[in-house]
């Protein structure tokens, strides 16, 4: 799973949020080598699915069966996933966990990751969540009572 999510994040946006942060998320720069993409990817999928289910099955009212209401849910999905992605890596950044052993001295040295890289990762997570929300919308909209025509 970590390989799947990591390849999606890095294939499209690795240059945007930085190679050093990508190495850290892959687990290449951590002592335990754990892949952090699996957690953030599952949260992104879960929140996007939850927002789509809320729109199509919980809020399913004729008044909300228009593109503007759907865009509100898409925007809420965007904001939630931005905050989750940004805070996910920012917590490690502030905790000082973004460090790797120096190959020569074997001392832990901070990776050259800064606040803007964490912010860019949040934007990356939010952009990918838009795509996932759209795909979930196409998959689950057919069983909706009132909103089945949205977004098309």
Protein backbone atom coordinates (compact mmCIF):
# COMPACT_ATOMS: atom_id res chain seq x y z
CA UNK A 1 0.00 0.00 0.00
CA UNK A 2 2.80 2.39 0.85
CA UNK A 3 4.36 1.82 -2.55
CA UNK A 4 1.04 2.62 -4.24
CA UNK A 5 0.47 5.88 -2.39
CA UNK A 6 4.13 6.88 -2.51
CA UNK A 7 4.30 6.40 -6.26
CA UNK A 8 1.18 8.54 -6.77
CA UNK A 9 2.43 11.38 -4.56
CA UNK A 10 5.97 11.32 -5.91
CA UNK A 11 5.28 10.71 -9.59
CA UNK A 12 3.18 13.86 -9.85
CA UNK A 13 4.40 16.20 -7.11
CA UNK A 14 7.84 15.18 -5.84
CA UNK A 15 9.49 18.30 -7.23
CA UNK A 16 6.75 20.45 -5.67
CA UNK A 17 7.15 19.36 -2.05
CA UNK A 18 10.84 18.48 -2.32
CA UNK A 19 13.06 15.45 -2.72
CA UNK A 20 14.21 15.54 0.91
CA UNK A 21 10.65 15.39 2.22
CA UNK A 22 9.90 12.62 -0.27
CA UNK A 23 12.88 10.62 1.03
CA UNK A 24 11.68 11.13 4.56
CA UNK A 25 8.14 10.03 3.68
CA UNK A 26 9.45 6.94 1.85
CA UNK A 27 11.37 6.02 4.99
CA UNK A 28 14.79 6.28 3.33
CA UNK A 29 15.93 8.97 5.74
CA UNK A 30 14.52 7.49 8.95
CA UNK A 31 16.20 4.96 11.23
CA UNK A 32 13.17 2.63 11.31
CA UNK A 33 12.52 2.91 7.55
CA UNK A 34 8.74 3.13 7.84
CA UNK A 35 6.83 4.36 4.79
CA UNK A 36 4.70 7.33 5.86
CA UNK A 37 2.75 7.58 2.61
CA UNK A 38 0.42 4.75 3.60
CA UNK A 39 -1.05 6.64 6.55
CA UNK A 40 -1.59 9.92 4.77
CA UNK A 41 -2.89 8.17 1.65
CA UNK A 42 -5.44 6.16 3.62
CA UNK A 43 -6.61 9.28 5.43
CA UNK A 44 -6.94 11.13 2.12
CA UNK A 45 -8.99 8.29 0.61
CA UNK A 46 -11.11 7.99 3.77
CA UNK A 47 -11.94 11.69 4.06
CA UNK A 48 -12.71 11.93 0.34
CA UNK A 49 -15.01 8.91 0.51
CA UNK A 50 -16.70 10.28 3.63
CA UNK A 51 -17.36 13.63 1.95
CA UNK A 52 -18.79 11.93 -1.15
CA UNK A 53 -21.02 9.68 0.97
CA UNK A 54 -22.21 12.68 2.97
CA UNK A 55 -23.16 14.54 -0.18
CA UNK A 56 -24.83 11.70 -2.07
CA UNK A 57 -26.52 9.79 0.75
CA UNK A 58 -26.80 11.90 3.89
CA UNK A 59 -27.47 15.41 2.53
CA UNK A 60 -29.31 13.95 -0.46
CA UNK A 61 -31.98 16.67 -0.82
CA UNK A 62 -33.40 18.21 -4.01
CA UNK A 63 -32.24 21.61 -2.83
CA UNK A 64 -28.63 20.39 -2.77
CA UNK A 65 -28.78 18.62 -6.14
CA UNK A 66 -26.76 21.21 -8.05
CA UNK A 67 -23.18 21.78 -9.04
CA UNK A 68 -22.65 24.56 -6.48
CA UNK A 69 -23.53 22.32 -3.53
CA UNK A 70 -21.27 19.61 -4.94
CA UNK A 71 -18.46 22.16 -5.28
CA UNK A 72 -18.96 23.17 -1.64
CA UNK A 73 -18.39 19.55 -0.60
CA UNK A 74 -15.41 19.31 -2.93
CA UNK A 75 -13.97 22.48 -1.40
CA UNK A 76 -14.56 21.15 2.12
CA UNK A 77 -12.77 17.95 1.08
CA UNK A 78 -9.90 20.05 -0.29
CA UNK A 79 -9.55 22.07 2.92
CA UNK A 80 -9.76 19.05 5.23
CA UNK A 81 -7.17 17.11 3.25
CA UNK A 82 -4.89 20.15 3.05
CA UNK A 83 -4.95 20.48 6.84
CA UNK A 84 -4.41 16.75 7.36
CA UNK A 85 -1.47 16.55 4.93
CA UNK A 86 0.13 19.75 6.16
CA UNK A 87 -0.19 18.90 9.85
CA UNK A 88 0.91 15.30 9.29
CA UNK A 89 4.38 16.33 8.18
CA UNK A 90 4.53 19.56 10.20
CA UNK A 91 4.14 17.59 13.43
CA UNK A 92 7.23 15.54 12.57
CA UNK A 93 9.03 18.70 11.51
CA UNK A 94 8.42 20.45 14.83
CA UNK A 95 9.17 17.29 16.81
CA UNK A 96 12.61 17.12 15.19
CA UNK A 97 11.94 13.69 13.70
CA UNK A 98 13.11 14.74 10.24
CA UNK A 99 16.70 13.73 10.75
CA UNK A 100 18.96 11.09 9.25
CA UNK A 101 22.25 9.59 10.36
CA UNK A 102 25.28 11.18 8.76
CA UNK A 103 27.14 8.49 6.77
CA UNK A 104 30.52 9.64 8.06
CA UNK A 105 29.92 10.50 11.72
CA UNK A 106 26.74 8.45 12.31
CA UNK A 107 25.32 11.47 14.16
CA UNK A 108 21.70 12.43 13.52
CA UNK A 109 21.61 15.45 11.22
CA UNK A 110 18.47 17.42 10.40
CA UNK A 111 17.26 17.00 6.84
CA UNK A 112 17.09 20.18 4.75
CA UNK A 113 13.29 20.32 4.99
CA UNK A 114 11.58 23.59 5.88
CA UNK A 115 8.09 24.86 6.64
CA UNK A 116 7.31 25.58 2.98
CA UNK A 117 7.95 21.94 2.05
CA UNK A 118 5.37 20.90 4.63
CA UNK A 119 2.94 23.46 3.25
CA UNK A 120 3.51 22.20 -0.29
CA UNK A 121 2.86 18.64 0.86
CA UNK A 122 -0.48 19.78 2.28
CA UNK A 123 -1.35 21.33 -1.10
CA UNK A 124 -0.30 18.10 -2.81
CA UNK A 125 -2.55 16.06 -0.55
CA UNK A 126 -5.44 18.46 -1.19
CA UNK A 127 -5.02 18.34 -4.98
CA UNK A 128 -4.93 14.55 -5.01
CA UNK A 129 -8.03 14.50 -2.82
CA UNK A 130 -9.91 16.48 -5.49
CA UNK A 131 -9.21 13.75 -8.01
CA UNK A 132 -10.19 11.01 -5.55
CA UNK A 133 -13.39 12.86 -4.58
CA UNK A 134 -14.34 13.19 -8.25
CA UNK A 135 -13.72 9.48 -8.86
CA UNK A 136 -15.75 8.50 -5.79
CA UNK A 137 -18.51 10.83 -6.97
CA UNK A 138 -18.68 9.03 -10.31
CA UNK A 139 -18.74 5.64 -8.60
CA UNK A 140 -21.36 6.22 -5.90
CA UNK A 141 -23.68 8.86 -7.36
CA UNK A 142 -25.89 6.35 -9.19
CA UNK A 143 -27.62 5.13 -6.02
CA UNK A 144 -28.42 8.63 -4.80
CA UNK A 145 -32.10 9.59 -4.75
CA UNK A 146 -31.83 13.28 -5.62
CA UNK A 147 -28.21 14.09 -6.41
CA UNK A 148 -27.52 11.40 -9.00
CA UNK A 149 -27.13 13.93 -11.83
CA UNK A 150 -24.44 15.95 -10.11
CA UNK A 151 -21.70 16.80 -11.22
CA UNK A 152 -22.93 16.10 -14.75
